[in-house]
Amino acid sequence: MNITTAIDGTSARITARGDIDFGTLPPLRAAADALPARVTDLLWDLHHTAFMDVAGLHLLFDRTPVDGPDRRTTVTGLRQQPLRLLLLATDLHPATFDLSRLLPDTAQTAFQQAAPEA
């Protein structure tokens, strides 16, 4: 896993290169934990992440002190398998896995239409 962080004022972009699983979850969380308190917008860039297991759900949806009410977390670059995982989680537990929080500028129906049939 290769992780890069770019900070621009109050915004940060963390780019993950590689699969997200429980082995890579700790360094990803550490990258978010290392962000300065002034960062209010965190963007997870997953363009280079072809696979994500349930650890990705923990990363994106678990609320930690770093990702509290003062930090908005969004995601970009979802590839097919991570997107399917997020859609499945949302279908099964919509109150827990709210995609509108991660993808605020995109209608959820557009993602459901874009996801290939199982």
N, C-alpha and C. Protein backbone atom coordinates (compact mmCIF):
# COMPACT_ATOMS: atom_id res chain seq x y z
N MET A 1 0.85 -1.17 0.00
CA MET A 1 0.00 0.00 0.00
C MET A 1 0.90 1.24 0.00
N ASN A 2 0.64 2.12 -0.92
CA ASN A 2 1.32 3.39 -1.00
C ASN A 2 0.28 4.48 -0.71
N ILE A 3 0.57 5.33 0.26
CA ILE A 3 -0.38 6.36 0.69
C ILE A 3 0.30 7.71 0.57
N THR A 4 -0.37 8.63 -0.12
CA THR A 4 0.13 10.00 -0.19
C THR A 4 -0.94 10.95 0.33
N THR A 5 -0.48 12.00 0.98
CA THR A 5 -1.38 13.00 1.55
C THR A 5 -0.99 14.36 1.00
N ALA A 6 -1.98 15.09 0.54
CA ALA A 6 -1.77 16.47 0.08
C ALA A 6 -2.73 17.37 0.85
N ILE A 7 -2.19 18.43 1.42
CA ILE A 7 -2.99 19.37 2.19
C ILE A 7 -2.94 20.72 1.51
N ASP A 8 -4.12 21.31 1.35
CA ASP A 8 -4.24 22.64 0.77
C ASP A 8 -5.20 23.43 1.65
N GLY A 9 -4.64 24.21 2.55
CA GLY A 9 -5.47 24.99 3.47
C GLY A 9 -6.23 24.09 4.42
N THR A 10 -7.56 24.12 4.31
CA THR A 10 -8.40 23.30 5.19
C THR A 10 -8.85 22.00 4.53
N SER A 11 -8.31 21.71 3.35
CA SER A 11 -8.68 20.50 2.63
C SER A 11 -7.49 19.55 2.53
N ALA A 12 -7.78 18.26 2.58
CA ALA A 12 -6.74 17.24 2.43
C ALA A 12 -7.24 16.17 1.49
N ARG A 13 -6.31 15.61 0.72
CA ARG A 13 -6.59 14.48 -0.17
C ARG A 13 -5.62 13.38 0.21
N ILE A 14 -6.19 12.23 0.59
CA ILE A 14 -5.37 11.06 0.86
C ILE A 14 -5.60 10.09 -0.29
N THR A 15 -4.52 9.74 -0.97
CA THR A 15 -4.58 8.83 -2.12
C THR A 15 -4.01 7.49 -1.70
N ALA A 16 -4.81 6.46 -1.89
CA ALA A 16 -4.39 5.09 -1.58
C ALA A 16 -4.08 4.37 -2.88
N ARG A 17 -2.93 3.74 -2.94
CA ARG A 17 -2.55 2.94 -4.11
C ARG A 17 -2.39 1.50 -3.64
N GLY A 18 -3.38 0.69 -3.96
CA GLY A 18 -3.37 -0.70 -3.54
C GLY A 18 -4.72 -1.07 -2.94
N ASP A 19 -4.85 -2.33 -2.59
CA ASP A 19 -6.10 -2.84 -2.03
C ASP A 19 -6.29 -2.35 -0.60
N ILE A 20 -7.55 -2.18 -0.22
CA ILE A 20 -7.88 -1.83 1.16
C ILE A 20 -8.45 -3.06 1.83
N ASP A 21 -7.72 -3.53 2.86
CA ASP A 21 -8.16 -4.67 3.66
C ASP A 21 -7.70 -4.42 5.09
N PHE A 22 -7.89 -5.38 5.98
CA PHE A 22 -7.54 -5.14 7.37
C PHE A 22 -6.04 -4.99 7.59
N GLY A 23 -5.22 -5.46 6.66
CA GLY A 23 -3.79 -5.25 6.76
C GLY A 23 -3.37 -3.83 6.42
N THR A 24 -4.12 -3.18 5.54
CA THR A 24 -3.78 -1.82 5.14
C THR A 24 -4.61 -0.76 5.87
N LEU A 25 -5.59 -1.19 6.64
CA LEU A 25 -6.42 -0.25 7.38
C LEU A 25 -5.64 0.60 8.39
N PRO A 26 -4.75 0.02 9.21
CA PRO A 26 -4.02 0.85 10.18
C PRO A 26 -3.21 2.00 9.56
N PRO A 27 -2.44 1.77 8.47
CA PRO A 27 -1.72 2.92 7.93
C PRO A 27 -2.64 3.96 7.29
N LEU A 28 -3.77 3.54 6.76
CA LEU A 28 -4.73 4.50 6.21
C LEU A 28 -5.33 5.36 7.32
N ARG A 29 -5.71 4.71 8.41
CA ARG A 29 -6.22 5.47 9.56
C ARG A 29 -5.14 6.40 10.13
N ALA A 30 -3.90 5.92 10.16
CA ALA A 30 -2.81 6.75 10.67
C ALA A 30 -2.63 8.00 9.80
N ALA A 31 -2.79 7.85 8.49
CA ALA A 31 -2.68 9.00 7.60
C ALA A 31 -3.76 10.03 7.91
N ALA A 32 -4.98 9.57 8.17
CA ALA A 32 -6.06 10.49 8.52
C ALA A 32 -5.83 11.09 9.91
N ASP A 33 -5.37 10.28 10.84
CA ASP A 33 -5.11 10.77 12.20
C ASP A 33 -4.00 11.83 12.22
N ALA A 34 -3.08 11.76 11.27
CA ALA A 34 -1.96 12.70 11.23
C ALA A 34 -2.32 14.06 10.64
N LEU A 35 -3.53 14.19 10.11
CA LEU A 35 -3.93 15.47 9.52
C LEU A 35 -4.03 16.54 10.60
N PRO A 36 -3.64 17.76 10.27
CA PRO A 36 -3.75 18.84 11.25
C PRO A 36 -5.22 19.14 11.57
N ALA A 37 -5.44 19.67 12.73
CA ALA A 37 -6.81 19.97 13.18
C ALA A 37 -7.51 20.96 12.27
N ARG A 38 -6.76 21.79 11.55
CA ARG A 38 -7.38 22.80 10.68
C ARG A 38 -8.07 22.18 9.46
N VAL A 39 -7.77 20.91 9.15
CA VAL A 39 -8.37 20.25 7.99
C VAL A 39 -9.83 19.93 8.30
N THR A 40 -10.72 20.53 7.52
CA THR A 40 -12.16 20.32 7.71
C THR A 40 -12.78 19.50 6.59
N ASP A 41 -12.03 19.29 5.49
CA ASP A 41 -12.52 18.50 4.36
C ASP A 41 -11.48 17.46 4.00
N LEU A 42 -11.87 16.19 4.08
CA LEU A 42 -10.98 15.08 3.74
C LEU A 42 -11.55 14.35 2.54
N LEU A 43 -10.75 14.23 1.50
CA LEU A 43 -11.14 13.51 0.29
C LEU A 43 -10.27 12.26 0.18
N TRP A 44 -10.91 11.09 0.19
CA TRP A 44 -10.20 9.83 -0.05
C TRP A 44 -10.20 9.60 -1.55
N ASP A 45 -9.04 9.54 -2.16
CA ASP A 45 -8.89 9.30 -3.59
C ASP A 45 -8.61 7.82 -3.79
N LEU A 46 -9.58 7.11 -4.39
CA LEU A 46 -9.47 5.66 -4.55
C LEU A 46 -9.32 5.25 -6.01
N HIS A 47 -8.82 6.15 -6.84
CA HIS A 47 -8.60 5.83 -8.25
C HIS A 47 -7.70 4.61 -8.44
N HIS A 48 -6.78 4.39 -7.52
CA HIS A 48 -5.79 3.31 -7.65
C HIS A 48 -6.10 2.14 -6.72
N THR A 49 -7.35 2.04 -6.31
CA THR A 49 -7.78 0.96 -5.41
C THR A 49 -8.79 0.09 -6.15
N ALA A 50 -8.33 -1.07 -6.60
CA ALA A 50 -9.20 -1.98 -7.36
C ALA A 50 -10.05 -2.86 -6.45
N PHE A 51 -9.59 -3.10 -5.23
CA PHE A 51 -10.30 -4.01 -4.31
C PHE A 51 -10.39 -3.38 -2.93
N MET A 52 -11.55 -3.56 -2.33
CA MET A 52 -11.77 -3.09 -0.96
C MET A 52 -12.68 -4.10 -0.28
N ASP A 53 -12.26 -4.60 0.89
CA ASP A 53 -13.15 -5.49 1.63
C ASP A 53 -13.84 -4.68 2.73
N VAL A 54 -14.40 -5.36 3.70
CA VAL A 54 -15.17 -4.70 4.75
C VAL A 54 -14.32 -3.67 5.51
N ALA A 55 -13.02 -3.81 5.47
CA ALA A 55 -12.15 -2.81 6.11
C ALA A 55 -12.36 -1.43 5.50
N GLY A 56 -12.67 -1.39 4.21
CA GLY A 56 -12.96 -0.11 3.56
C GLY A 56 -14.21 0.55 4.12
N LEU A 57 -15.19 -0.27 4.50
CA LEU A 57 -16.40 0.27 5.14
C LEU A 57 -16.05 0.89 6.49
N HIS A 58 -15.17 0.21 7.23
CA HIS A 58 -14.73 0.75 8.51
C HIS A 58 -13.99 2.07 8.30
N LEU A 59 -13.14 2.11 7.30
CA LEU A 59 -12.37 3.32 7.04
C LEU A 59 -13.28 4.50 6.69
N LEU A 60 -14.25 4.26 5.83
CA LEU A 60 -15.07 5.35 5.32
C LEU A 60 -16.26 5.72 6.20
N PHE A 61 -16.72 4.78 7.04
CA PHE A 61 -17.95 5.05 7.80
C PHE A 61 -17.78 5.10 9.30
N ASP A 62 -16.72 4.50 9.85
CA ASP A 62 -16.54 4.57 11.30
C ASP A 62 -16.23 6.01 11.69
N ARG A 63 -16.92 6.49 12.68
CA ARG A 63 -16.64 7.84 13.16
C ARG A 63 -15.57 7.77 14.23
N THR A 64 -14.53 8.52 14.03
CA THR A 64 -13.46 8.61 15.01
C THR A 64 -13.33 10.07 15.41
N PRO A 65 -12.60 10.35 16.47
CA PRO A 65 -12.43 11.76 16.84
C PRO A 65 -11.89 12.61 15.70
N VAL A 66 -11.05 12.04 14.84
CA VAL A 66 -10.49 12.79 13.72
C VAL A 66 -11.58 13.13 12.71
N ASP A 67 -12.52 12.22 12.52
CA ASP A 67 -13.58 12.40 11.53
C ASP A 67 -14.88 12.73 12.25
N GLY A 68 -14.85 13.76 13.06
CA GLY A 68 -16.02 14.16 13.82
C GLY A 68 -16.89 15.10 13.03
N PRO A 69 -17.78 15.78 13.70
CA PRO A 69 -18.73 16.65 13.01
C PRO A 69 -18.06 17.82 12.29
N ASP A 70 -16.83 18.15 12.66
CA ASP A 70 -16.15 19.28 12.03
C ASP A 70 -15.36 18.89 10.79
N ARG A 71 -15.31 17.61 10.44
CA ARG A 71 -14.56 17.18 9.26
C ARG A 71 -15.49 16.45 8.30
N ARG A 72 -15.62 17.00 7.12
CA ARG A 72 -16.44 16.39 6.07
C ARG A 72 -15.57 15.41 5.29
N THR A 73 -16.03 14.18 5.15
CA THR A 73 -15.28 13.15 4.45
C THR A 73 -16.02 12.76 3.19
N THR A 74 -15.31 12.79 2.06
CA THR A 74 -15.89 12.38 0.79
C THR A 74 -14.91 11.43 0.10
N VAL A 75 -15.37 10.82 -0.97
CA VAL A 75 -14.55 9.85 -1.70
C VAL A 75 -14.67 10.13 -3.19
N THR A 76 -13.58 9.87 -3.91
CA THR A 76 -13.58 10.01 -5.36
C THR A 76 -12.84 8.82 -5.97
N GLY A 77 -13.11 8.57 -7.25
CA GLY A 77 -12.38 7.54 -7.98
C GLY A 77 -12.78 6.13 -7.65
N LEU A 78 -14.03 5.92 -7.26
CA LEU A 78 -14.46 4.56 -6.93
C LEU A 78 -14.45 3.68 -8.17
N ARG A 79 -13.72 2.59 -8.09
CA ARG A 79 -13.69 1.61 -9.17
C ARG A 79 -14.83 0.61 -8.95
N GLN A 80 -14.99 -0.30 -9.88
CA GLN A 80 -16.16 -1.17 -9.90
C GLN A 80 -16.37 -1.96 -8.61
N GLN A 81 -15.38 -2.68 -8.14
CA GLN A 81 -15.59 -3.53 -6.96
C GLN A 81 -15.83 -2.71 -5.70
N PRO A 82 -15.05 -1.67 -5.40
CA PRO A 82 -15.36 -0.87 -4.21
C PRO A 82 -16.75 -0.22 -4.29
N LEU A 83 -17.13 0.23 -5.47
CA LEU A 83 -18.46 0.81 -5.64
C LEU A 83 -19.54 -0.22 -5.36
N ARG A 84 -19.38 -1.43 -5.87
CA ARG A 84 -20.36 -2.49 -5.63
C ARG A 84 -20.47 -2.80 -4.13
N LEU A 85 -19.33 -2.82 -3.44
CA LEU A 85 -19.35 -3.07 -1.99
C LEU A 85 -20.14 -1.97 -1.28
N LEU A 86 -19.88 -0.72 -1.62
CA LEU A 86 -20.61 0.39 -0.99
C LEU A 86 -22.10 0.32 -1.29
N LEU A 87 -22.46 0.00 -2.52
CA LEU A 87 -23.88 -0.10 -2.88
C LEU A 87 -24.56 -1.25 -2.13
N LEU A 88 -23.88 -2.37 -2.01
CA LEU A 88 -24.43 -3.52 -1.28
C LEU A 88 -24.63 -3.16 0.19
N ALA A 89 -23.63 -2.53 0.79
CA ALA A 89 -23.75 -2.13 2.19
C ALA A 89 -24.90 -1.15 2.38
N THR A 90 -25.05 -0.23 1.45
CA THR A 90 -26.13 0.75 1.53
C THR A 90 -27.49 0.08 1.38
N ASP A 91 -27.59 -0.87 0.45
CA ASP A 91 -28.85 -1.59 0.28
C ASP A 91 -29.23 -2.37 1.54
N LEU A 92 -28.24 -2.99 2.19
CA LEU A 92 -28.52 -3.81 3.36
C LEU A 92 -28.77 -2.99 4.62
N HIS A 93 -28.03 -1.90 4.79
CA HIS A 93 -28.12 -1.08 6.00
C HIS A 93 -28.04 0.40 5.64
N PRO A 94 -29.12 0.95 5.05
CA PRO A 94 -29.05 2.33 4.58
C PRO A 94 -28.81 3.36 5.68
N ALA A 95 -29.25 3.11 6.88
CA ALA A 95 -29.05 4.08 7.96
C ALA A 95 -27.59 4.11 8.41
N THR A 96 -26.90 2.98 8.31
CA THR A 96 -25.51 2.89 8.73
C THR A 96 -24.56 3.37 7.65
N PHE A 97 -24.85 2.98 6.42
CA PHE A 97 -23.97 3.29 5.29
C PHE A 97 -24.66 4.29 4.37
N ASP A 98 -24.51 5.56 4.70
CA ASP A 98 -25.17 6.64 3.97
C ASP A 98 -24.23 7.18 2.90
N LEU A 99 -24.47 6.78 1.65
CA LEU A 99 -23.61 7.22 0.56
C LEU A 99 -23.73 8.71 0.29
N SER A 100 -24.84 9.31 0.65
CA SER A 100 -24.99 10.75 0.40
C SER A 100 -23.96 11.55 1.19
N ARG A 101 -23.45 10.99 2.28
CA ARG A 101 -22.40 11.65 3.06
C ARG A 101 -21.07 11.58 2.32
N LEU A 102 -20.77 10.42 1.73
CA LEU A 102 -19.50 10.24 1.03
C LEU A 102 -19.50 10.83 -0.37
N LEU A 103 -20.66 10.81 -1.00
CA LEU A 103 -20.80 11.24 -2.39
C LEU A 103 -21.89 12.31 -2.48
N PRO A 104 -21.71 13.45 -1.84
CA PRO A 104 -22.79 14.43 -1.72
C PRO A 104 -23.23 15.06 -3.03
N ASP A 105 -22.38 15.07 -4.04
CA ASP A 105 -22.72 15.73 -5.29
C ASP A 105 -23.30 14.78 -6.33
N THR A 106 -23.51 13.54 -5.97
CA THR A 106 -23.97 12.53 -6.92
C THR A 106 -25.22 11.86 -6.38
N ALA A 107 -26.23 11.79 -7.21
CA ALA A 107 -27.46 11.12 -6.81
C ALA A 107 -27.19 9.63 -6.65
N GLN A 108 -27.71 9.04 -5.59
CA GLN A 108 -27.48 7.62 -5.33
C GLN A 108 -28.06 6.77 -6.45
N THR A 109 -29.15 7.19 -7.05
CA THR A 109 -29.75 6.40 -8.13
C THR A 109 -28.80 6.29 -9.31
N ALA A 110 -27.99 7.31 -9.55
CA ALA A 110 -27.03 7.24 -10.65
C ALA A 110 -26.03 6.12 -10.41
N PHE A 111 -25.61 5.94 -9.15
CA PHE A 111 -24.67 4.86 -8.86
C PHE A 111 -25.34 3.51 -8.96
N GLN A 112 -26.58 3.42 -8.56
CA GLN A 112 -27.28 2.14 -8.66
C GLN A 112 -27.45 1.75 -10.11
N GLN A 113 -27.70 2.72 -10.98
CA GLN A 113 -27.84 2.43 -12.41
C GLN A 113 -26.49 2.06 -13.02
N ALA A 114 -25.40 2.66 -12.51
CA ALA A 114 -24.08 2.41 -13.07
C ALA A 114 -23.50 1.07 -12.61
N ALA A 115 -23.96 0.57 -11.48
CA ALA A 115 -23.40 -0.69 -10.96
C ALA A 115 -23.89 -1.85 -11.82
N PRO A 116 -22.98 -2.70 -12.27
CA PRO A 116 -23.37 -3.86 -13.07
C PRO A 116 -24.19 -4.84 -12.26
N GLU A 117 -25.03 -5.56 -12.92
CA GLU A 117 -25.85 -6.57 -12.26
C GLU A 117 -24.97 -7.68 -11.71
N ALA A 118 -25.39 -8.26 -10.61
CA ALA A 118 -24.62 -9.35 -9.98
C ALA A 118 -24.75 -10.63 -10.77
